[in-house]
Amino acid sequence: MMWFRNVNVAAIDNKLLLTVVAVILVLIGGVYALAPVDVEGKRIFGIFTLIPVLSVLALALISKRTLEPLCAGAIIGLLMLDVNPLAFINGLMGSSLKVLASPVMGWIMLLSALMGGLIMWLQVSRATVVFSDLLEKYVKTRPQSMFAAWILGLIIFVDDYLSVLTVGAATRRLTDKFGVSRAMLAYIAAATAAPLCLLVPLSTWAIYVSGLLEANNAVAAGEGLKFYISVIPYIFYAWSAVFLVPLVIYNLIPMSPAMRRAEMAAKTNPPLQTNVEELEGSAKPALWHFFLPIIVMIVLTWYLGDTLLGVMGATIVTLVAYRMAGLGSIPALCEHFMKGVSSMVTPIAIIFAAFVLQDVNEQLGLAPYIIESAKPLISANLLPVITFVLLAFLTFTTGSFWGIYAISIPIIVPLAQALDANMALTLGALISAGGFGSHACFFGDSTVLESRGCEITPIEHALTQLRYVMISAAIAAVLFAVMPFIMA
């Protein structure tokens, strides 16, 4: 039971622990035995499809860890599918290989590894120190340091991965100086990542959703992006999440107890800067050493339409530029790059486990069950708010954002057409739900990378920002509930 290793095991009665394990196994066996079978021989789990995701949430809260609860949730789900030991092992192997063979997982692994190496270059070249020194000439107060991080997040709007990793690496030295907790920095970076990408039609999120709208005949071919732009005013969660940050910065919204503890700890015991070796070159660090990789990443990502291509291009350009500038030898640069790659192993492992859990949930039929269960409650005026709440729950509990878009658009669009509901408002709710999930889910890929960029754990990041996320969600839910009546 690896996920309990951070708990004070001495304080837990072993008999009680064994009893809990036994109850879980009996529950799984009961579910497997009682679940009806359809005409194709597949089991229909109904409400029991919630067991794996609820187990993940409970175990994460108990252990304050991320990887082990995800593994446990996947194991529980696989046992529900088939309690036979051989079938379980085959199922685990099949899901793992499916995830590894997925282009999405390969894309994330390459992107994370390259970003880890690139960030390490920025650190060992002391380019981040030079950038921080530049900001310190203009930033004189604690709120201004957080505001600077927010502005940087607004500038890097092309992709959420690019934003969270860059903002954390570029500004944590500055915010540390003013006693800002890494948890607060992670919240600011998260609020300007996926939520902002939803509001910018040139982002990877907007392009993806536009393609889905065209593929599902919601709009005519070639009209997806134009229609997406018309939906932007109704992506209420993204607007509230992005513009809640200044209110938090200037203490107009009270901090949660978790964030207050993190802030007090940062003031009394500031985070120690990670000791990294420096490149032994003849050149002194300069501002262009910082700006060149960032600008190349942003420009190539925007021009080529793929963050991975942008990061690959930036890696090549940076290697050549740093070597020609005399910052270090090729072997030294490659050695430090690999150290950066190795620092991303744990985030990649968490993302991999989350994808395996997603695959298990798909086999259990979680998303279709939730959506089908809510259909009888839906009317034209209630469709936007139900869509937001329902899909927000799914994205949060499954860690699937683009996947939920792919599942829900073919269902929600025809439903909106049949009910004669406001299509732009309904799609605004659907798109907002994905932004909420990416922002809130503690094992979501973006959240994991945010945590890595700010050097805190994903569960700490999720718990400290929870109040702000829920405030943004509540604002969005109210707007989705009242706007159909106002616009009628």
Protein backbone atom coordinates (compact mmCIF):
# COMPACT_ATOMS: atom_id res chain seq x y z
CA MET A 1 0.00 0.00 0.00
CA MET A 2 2.55 2.54 -1.18
CA TRP A 3 0.22 5.54 -1.06
CA PHE A 4 0.22 5.49 2.75
CA ARG A 5 3.97 5.96 3.12
CA ASN A 6 3.67 9.64 4.10
CA VAL A 7 1.08 8.92 6.76
CA ASN A 8 2.15 8.31 10.35
CA VAL A 9 1.72 4.54 10.14
CA ALA A 10 2.61 4.16 13.83
CA ALA A 11 -0.59 6.01 14.67
CA ILE A 12 -2.74 3.64 12.62
CA ASP A 13 -3.87 0.35 14.04
CA ASN A 14 -2.73 -2.42 11.71
CA LYS A 15 -5.93 -4.35 12.25
CA LEU A 16 -7.96 -1.33 11.19
CA LEU A 17 -5.80 -0.92 8.09
CA LEU A 18 -6.28 -4.58 7.15
CA THR A 19 -10.00 -4.21 7.77
CA VAL A 20 -10.20 -1.25 5.39
CA VAL A 21 -8.31 -3.20 2.71
CA ALA A 22 -10.62 -6.17 3.22
CA VAL A 23 -13.72 -3.96 2.93
CA ILE A 24 -12.41 -2.47 -0.33
CA LEU A 25 -11.73 -5.91 -1.78
CA VAL A 26 -15.16 -7.18 -0.71
CA LEU A 27 -16.79 -4.07 -2.21
CA ILE A 28 -14.99 -4.60 -5.50
CA GLY A 29 -15.98 -8.24 -5.53
CA GLY A 30 -19.59 -7.33 -4.80
CA VAL A 31 -19.67 -4.74 -7.56
CA TYR A 32 -18.18 -7.22 -10.01
CA ALA A 33 -20.71 -9.86 -9.04
CA LEU A 34 -23.79 -7.60 -8.99
CA ALA A 35 -23.12 -5.47 -12.08
CA PRO A 36 -25.50 -6.48 -14.88
CA VAL A 37 -24.16 -7.56 -18.27
CA ASP A 38 -25.31 -6.07 -21.59
CA VAL A 39 -25.94 -7.95 -24.83
CA GLU A 40 -22.25 -7.68 -25.77
CA GLY A 41 -21.17 -9.27 -22.52
CA LYS A 42 -19.88 -6.00 -20.98
CA ARG A 43 -20.67 -5.17 -17.39
CA ILE A 44 -22.76 -2.06 -16.67
CA PHE A 45 -21.47 -0.51 -13.46
CA GLY A 46 -23.85 2.44 -13.13
CA ILE A 47 -23.14 4.59 -10.09
CA PHE A 48 -20.29 2.26 -9.11
CA THR A 49 -18.20 3.83 -11.90
CA LEU A 50 -17.52 6.60 -9.37
CA ILE A 51 -15.61 4.27 -7.03
CA PRO A 52 -12.13 4.64 -8.62
CA VAL A 53 -12.20 8.44 -8.86
CA LEU A 54 -13.63 8.86 -5.36
CA SER A 55 -10.94 6.49 -4.08
CA VAL A 56 -8.27 8.66 -5.69
CA LEU A 57 -9.64 11.81 -4.08
CA ALA A 58 -9.93 10.19 -0.64
CA LEU A 59 -6.47 8.63 -0.73
CA ALA A 60 -4.88 11.85 -1.97
CA LEU A 61 -6.38 13.80 0.92
CA ILE A 62 -5.21 11.17 3.40
CA SER A 63 -1.68 10.72 2.05
CA LYS A 64 -1.06 14.25 0.66
CA ARG A 65 0.48 12.55 -2.35
CA THR A 66 -0.49 12.23 -6.00
CA LEU A 67 1.19 9.31 -7.78
CA GLU A 68 0.22 6.52 -5.40
CA PRO A 69 -3.52 7.41 -5.18
CA LEU A 70 -3.67 7.49 -8.99
CA CYS A 71 -2.13 4.03 -9.17
CA ALA A 72 -4.53 2.80 -6.51
CA GLY A 73 -7.53 4.21 -8.38
CA ALA A 74 -6.45 2.50 -11.59
CA ILE A 75 -5.96 -0.80 -9.76
CA ILE A 76 -9.40 -0.57 -8.14
CA GLY A 77 -10.99 0.13 -11.51
CA LEU A 78 -9.20 -2.76 -13.20
CA LEU A 79 -10.29 -5.12 -10.42
CA MET A 80 -13.86 -3.95 -10.95
CA LEU A 81 -13.55 -4.85 -14.63
CA ASP A 82 -12.28 -8.34 -13.83
CA VAL A 83 -11.22 -9.75 -10.47
CA ASN A 84 -9.35 -12.62 -12.10
CA PRO A 85 -5.63 -12.06 -11.28
CA LEU A 86 -4.46 -12.91 -14.78
CA ALA A 87 -7.11 -10.70 -16.36
CA PHE A 88 -6.13 -7.90 -13.97
CA ILE A 89 -2.45 -8.11 -14.95
CA ASN A 90 -3.37 -8.22 -18.64
CA GLY A 91 -5.66 -5.26 -18.17
CA LEU A 92 -2.96 -3.26 -16.39
CA MET A 93 -0.44 -4.09 -19.09
CA GLY A 94 -2.92 -3.28 -21.84
CA SER A 95 -3.85 0.12 -20.40
CA SER A 96 -0.22 0.98 -19.74
CA LEU A 97 0.88 0.07 -23.26
CA LYS A 98 -2.11 1.89 -24.74
CA VAL A 99 -1.15 5.05 -22.89
CA LEU A 100 2.52 4.74 -23.82
CA ALA A 101 1.61 4.22 -27.47
CA SER A 102 -0.70 7.23 -27.44
CA PRO A 103 0.58 10.19 -29.49
CA VAL A 104 -0.71 12.48 -26.74
CA MET A 105 1.39 10.79 -24.05
CA GLY A 106 4.43 10.77 -26.32
CA TRP A 107 3.86 14.45 -27.04
CA ILE A 108 3.66 15.28 -23.34
CA MET A 109 6.74 13.21 -22.47
CA LEU A 110 8.85 14.89 -25.16
CA LEU A 111 7.57 18.35 -24.30
CA SER A 112 8.13 17.90 -20.56
CA ALA A 113 11.63 16.49 -21.05
CA LEU A 114 12.68 19.26 -23.44
CA MET A 115 11.19 21.97 -21.20
CA GLY A 116 13.02 20.49 -18.21
CA GLY A 117 16.33 20.67 -20.07
CA LEU A 118 15.64 24.16 -21.40
CA ILE A 119 14.75 25.49 -17.96
CA MET A 120 17.93 23.95 -16.57
CA TRP A 121 19.91 25.87 -19.21
CA LEU A 122 18.23 29.10 -18.13
CA GLN A 123 19.25 28.36 -14.55
CA VAL A 124 22.85 27.21 -15.03
CA SER A 125 23.55 30.08 -17.43
CA ARG A 126 22.21 32.41 -14.70
CA ALA A 127 19.88 33.92 -17.28
CA THR A 128 17.00 33.73 -14.74
CA VAL A 129 19.13 35.68 -12.25
CA VAL A 130 19.74 38.44 -14.78
CA PHE A 131 16.01 38.57 -15.62
CA SER A 132 15.12 38.68 -11.93
CA ASP A 133 17.62 41.51 -11.38
CA LEU A 134 15.93 43.43 -14.21
CA LEU A 135 12.51 43.03 -12.64
CA GLU A 136 13.83 44.10 -9.24
CA LYS A 137 14.67 47.53 -10.69
CA TYR A 138 10.96 48.14 -11.23
CA VAL A 139 9.29 45.85 -8.71
CA LYS A 140 9.52 47.33 -5.23
CA THR A 141 6.68 45.70 -3.27
CA ARG A 142 5.27 42.26 -2.61
CA PRO A 143 2.04 42.84 -4.58
CA GLN A 144 4.06 44.16 -7.51
CA SER A 145 6.10 40.93 -7.61
CA MET A 146 2.93 38.87 -7.88
CA PHE A 147 1.49 41.29 -10.42
CA ALA A 148 4.64 40.85 -12.52
CA ALA A 149 4.09 37.07 -12.54
CA TRP A 150 0.45 37.63 -13.58
CA ILE A 151 1.47 39.93 -16.43
CA LEU A 152 4.08 37.42 -17.64
CA GLY A 153 1.38 34.74 -17.66
CA LEU A 154 -0.85 37.02 -19.75
CA ILE A 155 1.95 37.53 -22.25
CA ILE A 156 2.65 33.80 -22.71
CA PHE A 157 -0.86 32.94 -23.90
CA VAL A 158 -0.07 30.49 -26.68
CA ASP A 159 -0.13 27.27 -24.62
CA ASP A 160 -0.82 26.37 -21.01
CA TYR A 161 2.22 24.08 -20.67
CA LEU A 162 4.51 26.77 -22.00
CA SER A 163 2.96 29.33 -19.67
CA VAL A 164 3.10 27.41 -16.38
CA LEU A 165 6.67 26.19 -16.78
CA THR A 166 7.99 29.55 -17.92
CA VAL A 167 6.21 31.72 -15.35
CA GLY A 168 7.34 29.57 -12.43
CA ALA A 169 10.95 29.35 -13.56
CA ALA A 170 11.20 33.04 -14.48
CA THR A 171 9.61 34.69 -11.44
CA ARG A 172 10.09 32.44 -8.41
CA ARG A 173 13.40 34.08 -7.52
CA LEU A 174 11.68 37.49 -7.53
CA THR A 175 8.64 36.39 -5.53
CA ASP A 176 10.86 34.53 -3.04
CA LYS A 177 12.63 37.82 -2.30
CA PHE A 178 9.33 39.44 -1.26
CA GLY A 179 8.16 36.49 0.83
CA VAL A 180 5.53 35.22 -1.61
CA SER A 181 4.87 31.53 -1.14
CA ARG A 182 5.50 29.11 -3.97
CA ALA A 183 1.87 28.04 -3.54
CA MET A 184 0.67 31.57 -4.32
CA LEU A 185 2.99 31.75 -7.33
CA ALA A 186 1.65 28.40 -8.56
CA TYR A 187 -1.92 29.72 -8.25
CA ILE A 188 -1.07 32.83 -10.29
CA ALA A 189 0.67 30.73 -12.94
CA ALA A 190 -2.31 28.34 -13.10
CA ALA A 191 -4.91 31.11 -13.39
CA THR A 192 -3.13 32.53 -16.44
CA ALA A 193 -2.56 29.15 -18.12
CA ALA A 194 -5.54 27.15 -19.42
CA PRO A 195 -8.14 29.83 -18.49
CA LEU A 196 -6.30 32.46 -20.51
CA CYS A 197 -5.73 30.04 -23.42
CA LEU A 198 -9.50 29.65 -23.67
CA LEU A 199 -9.88 33.41 -24.21
CA VAL A 200 -7.25 33.74 -26.95
CA PRO A 201 -8.27 32.38 -30.38
CA LEU A 202 -4.62 31.81 -31.34
CA SER A 203 -3.99 29.35 -28.49
CA THR A 204 -3.71 25.59 -28.84
CA TRP A 205 -6.91 25.13 -26.80
CA ALA A 206 -8.96 27.37 -29.10
CA ILE A 207 -7.63 25.67 -32.22
CA TYR A 208 -8.42 22.22 -30.80
CA VAL A 209 -11.99 23.07 -29.78
CA SER A 210 -12.59 24.80 -33.12
CA GLY A 211 -11.54 21.62 -34.90
CA LEU A 212 -13.92 19.54 -32.76
CA LEU A 213 -16.82 21.88 -33.58
CA GLU A 214 -16.17 21.44 -37.29
CA ALA A 215 -15.67 17.68 -37.00
CA ASN A 216 -19.02 17.30 -35.23
CA ASN A 217 -20.89 19.51 -37.73
CA ALA A 218 -21.66 22.14 -35.12
CA VAL A 219 -20.45 24.70 -37.67
CA ALA A 220 -19.56 24.59 -41.35
CA ALA A 221 -16.08 23.54 -42.43
CA GLY A 222 -13.65 26.42 -42.05
CA GLU A 223 -15.97 28.34 -39.72
CA GLY A 224 -14.86 26.75 -36.45
CA LEU A 225 -12.47 29.45 -35.29
CA LYS A 226 -14.85 32.25 -36.29
CA PHE A 227 -17.62 30.66 -34.27
CA TYR A 228 -15.25 30.04 -31.35
CA ILE A 229 -14.46 33.77 -31.25
CA SER A 230 -18.20 34.50 -30.93
CA VAL A 231 -18.32 32.11 -27.92
CA ILE A 232 -15.41 33.76 -26.05
CA PRO A 233 -17.61 36.32 -24.20
CA TYR A 234 -19.53 33.40 -22.68
CA ILE A 235 -16.53 31.42 -21.35
CA PHE A 236 -17.35 32.78 -17.91
CA TYR A 237 -15.04 30.55 -15.87
CA ALA A 238 -11.99 31.67 -17.79
CA TRP A 239 -12.85 35.35 -17.40
CA SER A 240 -13.49 35.04 -13.67
CA ALA A 241 -10.34 32.94 -13.06
CA VAL A 242 -8.01 35.33 -14.90
CA PHE A 243 -9.37 38.54 -13.38
CA LEU A 244 -9.75 37.16 -9.87
CA VAL A 245 -5.95 37.17 -9.55
CA PRO A 246 -5.53 40.95 -8.99
CA LEU A 247 -8.20 40.79 -6.27
CA VAL A 248 -6.23 38.02 -4.57
CA ILE A 249 -2.94 39.89 -4.98
CA TYR A 250 -4.30 42.98 -3.22
CA ASN A 251 -6.03 40.94 -0.47
CA LEU A 252 -9.55 41.87 -1.58
CA ILE A 253 -10.42 38.19 -1.26
CA PRO A 254 -9.50 36.50 2.05
CA MET A 255 -6.97 33.71 1.89
CA SER A 256 -7.96 30.17 2.70
CA PRO A 257 -6.38 28.56 5.80
CA ALA A 258 -4.16 26.41 3.55
CA MET A 259 -2.87 29.39 1.59
CA ARG A 260 -2.45 31.44 4.77
CA ARG A 261 -0.23 28.73 6.24
CA ALA A 262 1.84 28.63 3.07
CA GLU A 263 2.20 32.42 3.09
CA MET A 264 3.20 32.51 6.76
CA ALA A 265 5.78 29.80 6.16
CA ALA A 266 7.23 31.74 3.22
CA LYS A 267 7.58 34.90 5.32
CA THR A 268 9.17 33.23 8.34
CA ASN A 269 11.20 30.66 6.44
CA PRO A 270 11.65 31.75 2.79
CA PRO A 271 12.09 28.96 0.22
CA LEU A 272 15.70 28.12 -0.43
CA GLN A 273 16.85 28.64 -3.98
CA THR A 274 17.74 25.34 -5.58
CA ASN A 275 21.49 25.02 -5.80
CA VAL A 276 22.44 24.35 -9.39
CA GLU A 277 25.86 24.25 -10.97
CA GLU A 278 26.85 27.05 -13.27
CA LEU A 279 28.15 26.69 -16.79
CA GLU A 280 31.90 27.17 -16.85
CA GLY A 281 32.17 29.46 -19.85
CA SER A 282 33.98 32.66 -20.60
CA ALA A 283 30.84 34.75 -21.19
CA LYS A 284 28.92 36.57 -18.48
CA PRO A 285 25.15 36.08 -18.28
CA ALA A 286 23.13 38.60 -20.26
CA LEU A 287 19.46 39.39 -20.73
CA TRP A 288 19.34 37.93 -24.22
CA HIS A 289 20.33 34.57 -22.76
CA PHE A 290 16.92 34.58 -21.07
CA PHE A 291 14.80 36.23 -23.74
CA LEU A 292 16.10 34.29 -26.75
CA PRO A 293 14.74 30.84 -25.73
CA ILE A 294 11.41 32.31 -24.51
CA ILE A 295 10.81 34.40 -27.63
CA VAL A 296 11.79 31.57 -29.97
CA MET A 297 9.41 29.19 -28.14
CA ILE A 298 6.50 31.62 -28.32
CA VAL A 299 7.05 32.63 -31.95
CA LEU A 300 7.58 29.09 -33.25
CA THR A 301 4.64 27.73 -31.24
CA TRP A 302 2.38 30.42 -32.69
CA TYR A 303 3.73 30.08 -36.25
CA LEU A 304 3.86 26.27 -36.39
CA GLY A 305 0.74 25.70 -34.27
CA ASP A 306 2.40 23.10 -32.02
CA THR A 307 4.06 23.72 -28.68
CA LEU A 308 6.34 20.71 -29.04
CA LEU A 309 7.71 22.02 -32.33
CA GLY A 310 8.22 25.40 -30.70
CA VAL A 311 10.16 23.91 -27.79
CA MET A 312 12.21 21.71 -30.10
CA GLY A 313 13.16 24.73 -32.17
CA ALA A 314 13.99 26.75 -29.07
CA THR A 315 16.19 23.92 -27.76
CA ILE A 316 18.23 23.78 -30.96
CA VAL A 317 18.55 27.57 -31.23
CA THR A 318 19.53 27.89 -27.56
CA LEU A 319 22.17 25.16 -27.80
CA VAL A 320 23.81 26.86 -30.78
CA ALA A 321 23.50 30.37 -29.31
CA TYR A 322 24.84 29.44 -25.87
CA ARG A 323 27.79 27.61 -27.39
CA MET A 324 28.65 30.45 -29.77
CA ALA A 325 28.34 32.93 -26.89
CA GLY A 326 30.89 30.97 -24.89
CA LEU A 327 28.53 30.02 -22.07
CA GLY A 328 29.78 26.45 -22.04
CA SER A 329 31.03 23.54 -24.08
CA ILE A 330 28.71 21.17 -25.95
CA PRO A 331 29.37 18.29 -23.48
CA ALA A 332 28.69 20.57 -20.52
CA LEU A 333 25.48 21.92 -22.07
CA CYS A 334 24.28 18.39 -22.87
CA GLU A 335 25.10 17.18 -19.36
CA HIS A 336 23.07 19.96 -17.74
CA PHE A 337 20.27 19.45 -20.24
CA MET A 338 19.97 15.80 -19.19
CA LYS A 339 19.85 16.84 -15.53
CA GLY A 340 16.87 19.00 -16.45
CA VAL A 341 15.28 16.09 -18.26
CA SER A 342 15.71 13.84 -15.21
CA SER A 343 13.98 16.46 -13.02
CA MET A 344 10.79 15.86 -15.02
CA VAL A 345 10.63 12.11 -14.36
CA THR A 346 8.21 12.38 -11.44
CA PRO A 347 5.81 14.79 -13.22
CA ILE A 348 5.83 12.51 -16.27
CA ALA A 349 5.11 9.48 -14.05
CA ILE A 350 2.13 11.28 -12.47
CA ILE A 351 0.75 12.26 -15.86
CA PHE A 352 1.21 8.69 -17.10
CA ALA A 353 -0.67 7.28 -14.10
CA ALA A 354 -3.45 9.84 -14.65
CA PHE A 355 -3.77 8.71 -18.28
CA VAL A 356 -3.98 5.07 -17.21
CA LEU A 357 -6.77 6.02 -14.78
CA GLN A 358 -8.52 7.87 -17.62
CA ASP A 359 -8.38 4.73 -19.77
CA VAL A 360 -9.81 2.63 -16.93
CA ASN A 361 -12.63 5.15 -16.42
CA GLU A 362 -13.41 4.96 -20.14
CA GLN A 363 -13.67 1.18 -19.88
CA LEU A 364 -15.99 1.56 -16.90
CA GLY A 365 -18.12 4.07 -18.84
CA LEU A 366 -17.87 6.90 -16.31
CA ALA A 367 -18.45 9.91 -18.59
CA PRO A 368 -21.37 8.43 -20.59
CA TYR A 369 -23.04 7.31 -17.35
CA ILE A 370 -22.83 10.77 -15.77
CA ILE A 371 -24.04 12.55 -18.91
CA GLU A 372 -26.89 10.12 -19.57
CA SER A 373 -28.01 10.31 -15.92
CA ALA A 374 -28.34 14.09 -16.16
CA LYS A 375 -30.30 14.19 -19.43
CA PRO A 376 -33.76 13.87 -17.83
CA LEU A 377 -33.07 16.98 -15.72
CA ILE A 378 -32.14 19.19 -18.67
CA SER A 379 -34.25 21.94 -20.21
CA ALA A 380 -33.28 24.71 -22.63
CA ASN A 381 -32.72 27.29 -19.89
CA LEU A 382 -30.96 24.87 -17.56
CA LEU A 383 -28.71 23.33 -20.19
CA PRO A 384 -25.79 25.80 -19.82
CA VAL A 385 -25.51 25.57 -16.02
CA ILE A 386 -26.03 21.79 -15.97
CA THR A 387 -23.44 21.40 -18.73
CA PHE A 388 -20.92 23.44 -16.76
CA VAL A 389 -21.48 21.73 -13.40
CA LEU A 390 -21.64 18.23 -14.86
CA LEU A 391 -18.59 18.51 -17.09
CA ALA A 392 -16.64 20.43 -14.45
CA PHE A 393 -17.17 17.49 -12.12
CA LEU A 394 -16.03 15.07 -14.83
CA THR A 395 -12.91 17.03 -15.75
CA PHE A 396 -11.96 17.43 -12.10
CA THR A 397 -12.42 13.78 -11.17
CA THR A 398 -10.95 12.24 -14.33
CA GLY A 399 -8.12 14.66 -15.17
CA SER A 400 -9.31 14.56 -18.79
CA PHE A 401 -9.99 17.95 -20.38
CA TRP A 402 -9.58 17.68 -24.13
CA GLY A 403 -10.86 14.11 -23.83
CA ILE A 404 -14.07 15.31 -22.16
CA TYR A 405 -14.46 17.88 -24.94
CA ALA A 406 -14.24 15.08 -27.50
CA ILE A 407 -16.82 13.00 -25.62
CA SER A 408 -19.29 15.76 -24.72
CA ILE A 409 -19.44 17.94 -27.85
CA PRO A 410 -21.17 15.21 -29.96
CA ILE A 411 -23.74 14.87 -27.14
CA ILE A 412 -24.25 18.47 -26.00
CA VAL A 413 -24.44 20.13 -29.44
CA PRO A 414 -27.35 17.98 -30.76
CA LEU A 415 -29.06 18.30 -27.37
CA ALA A 416 -28.79 22.09 -27.50
CA GLN A 417 -30.18 22.07 -31.05
CA ALA A 418 -33.08 19.80 -30.07
CA LEU A 419 -33.98 21.96 -27.05
CA ASP A 420 -33.45 25.20 -29.00
CA ALA A 421 -31.04 26.33 -26.27
CA ASN A 422 -28.61 29.20 -26.74
CA MET A 423 -25.73 27.46 -28.55
CA ALA A 424 -23.03 30.05 -27.81
CA LEU A 425 -23.89 30.10 -24.11
CA THR A 426 -24.03 26.29 -23.94
CA LEU A 427 -20.66 25.91 -25.63
CA GLY A 428 -19.27 28.61 -23.35
CA ALA A 429 -20.31 26.42 -20.42
CA LEU A 430 -18.79 23.32 -22.00
CA ILE A 431 -15.49 25.06 -22.74
CA SER A 432 -15.44 26.64 -19.26
CA ALA A 433 -15.71 23.19 -17.69
CA GLY A 434 -12.48 22.10 -19.35
CA GLY A 435 -10.73 25.22 -18.09
CA PHE A 436 -11.99 24.51 -14.58
CA GLY A 437 -10.72 20.94 -14.68
CA SER A 438 -7.29 21.94 -15.92
CA HIS A 439 -7.10 24.63 -13.25
CA ALA A 440 -8.43 22.57 -10.33
CA CYS A 441 -7.56 18.88 -10.85
CA PHE A 442 -4.57 17.97 -8.68
CA PHE A 443 -3.40 15.22 -11.04
CA GLY A 444 -4.10 17.06 -14.29
CA ASP A 445 -1.11 17.42 -16.59
CA SER A 446 -1.08 21.22 -16.42
CA THR A 447 -1.34 21.23 -12.61
CA VAL A 448 1.50 18.74 -12.28
CA LEU A 449 3.75 20.86 -14.48
CA GLU A 450 2.76 24.04 -12.61
CA SER A 451 3.78 22.37 -9.37
CA ARG A 452 7.10 21.32 -10.87
CA GLY A 453 7.77 24.83 -12.15
CA CYS A 454 7.16 26.28 -8.69
CA GLU A 455 8.80 23.37 -6.84
CA ILE A 456 5.83 22.33 -4.70
CA THR A 457 3.72 19.16 -4.66
CA PRO A 458 0.59 18.90 -6.84
CA ILE A 459 -1.65 18.23 -3.84
CA GLU A 460 -0.32 21.32 -2.02
CA HIS A 461 -0.95 23.38 -5.13
CA ALA A 462 -4.50 22.06 -5.45
CA LEU A 463 -5.45 22.59 -1.79
CA THR A 464 -3.97 26.09 -1.47
CA GLN A 465 -5.70 27.43 -4.57
CA LEU A 466 -9.01 25.59 -4.01
CA ARG A 467 -10.85 28.60 -2.54
CA TYR A 468 -10.01 30.82 -5.51
CA VAL A 469 -10.90 28.11 -8.00
CA MET A 470 -14.26 27.52 -6.35
CA ILE A 471 -15.03 31.26 -6.23
CA SER A 472 -14.39 31.48 -9.97
CA ALA A 473 -16.52 28.38 -10.54
CA ALA A 474 -19.37 29.76 -8.42
CA ILE A 475 -19.34 33.04 -10.37
CA ALA A 476 -19.44 31.11 -13.64
CA ALA A 477 -22.23 28.81 -12.46
CA VAL A 478 -24.41 31.75 -11.40
CA LEU A 479 -23.89 33.47 -14.75
CA PHE A 480 -24.70 30.29 -16.67
CA ALA A 481 -27.86 29.92 -14.57
CA VAL A 482 -29.20 33.46 -15.03
CA MET A 483 -28.02 34.39 -18.54
CA PRO A 484 -30.55 32.17 -20.42
CA PHE A 485 -33.37 34.11 -18.76
CA ILE A 486 -31.71 37.49 -19.38
CA MET A 487 -31.00 36.67 -23.03
CA ALA A 488 -34.46 35.18 -23.68
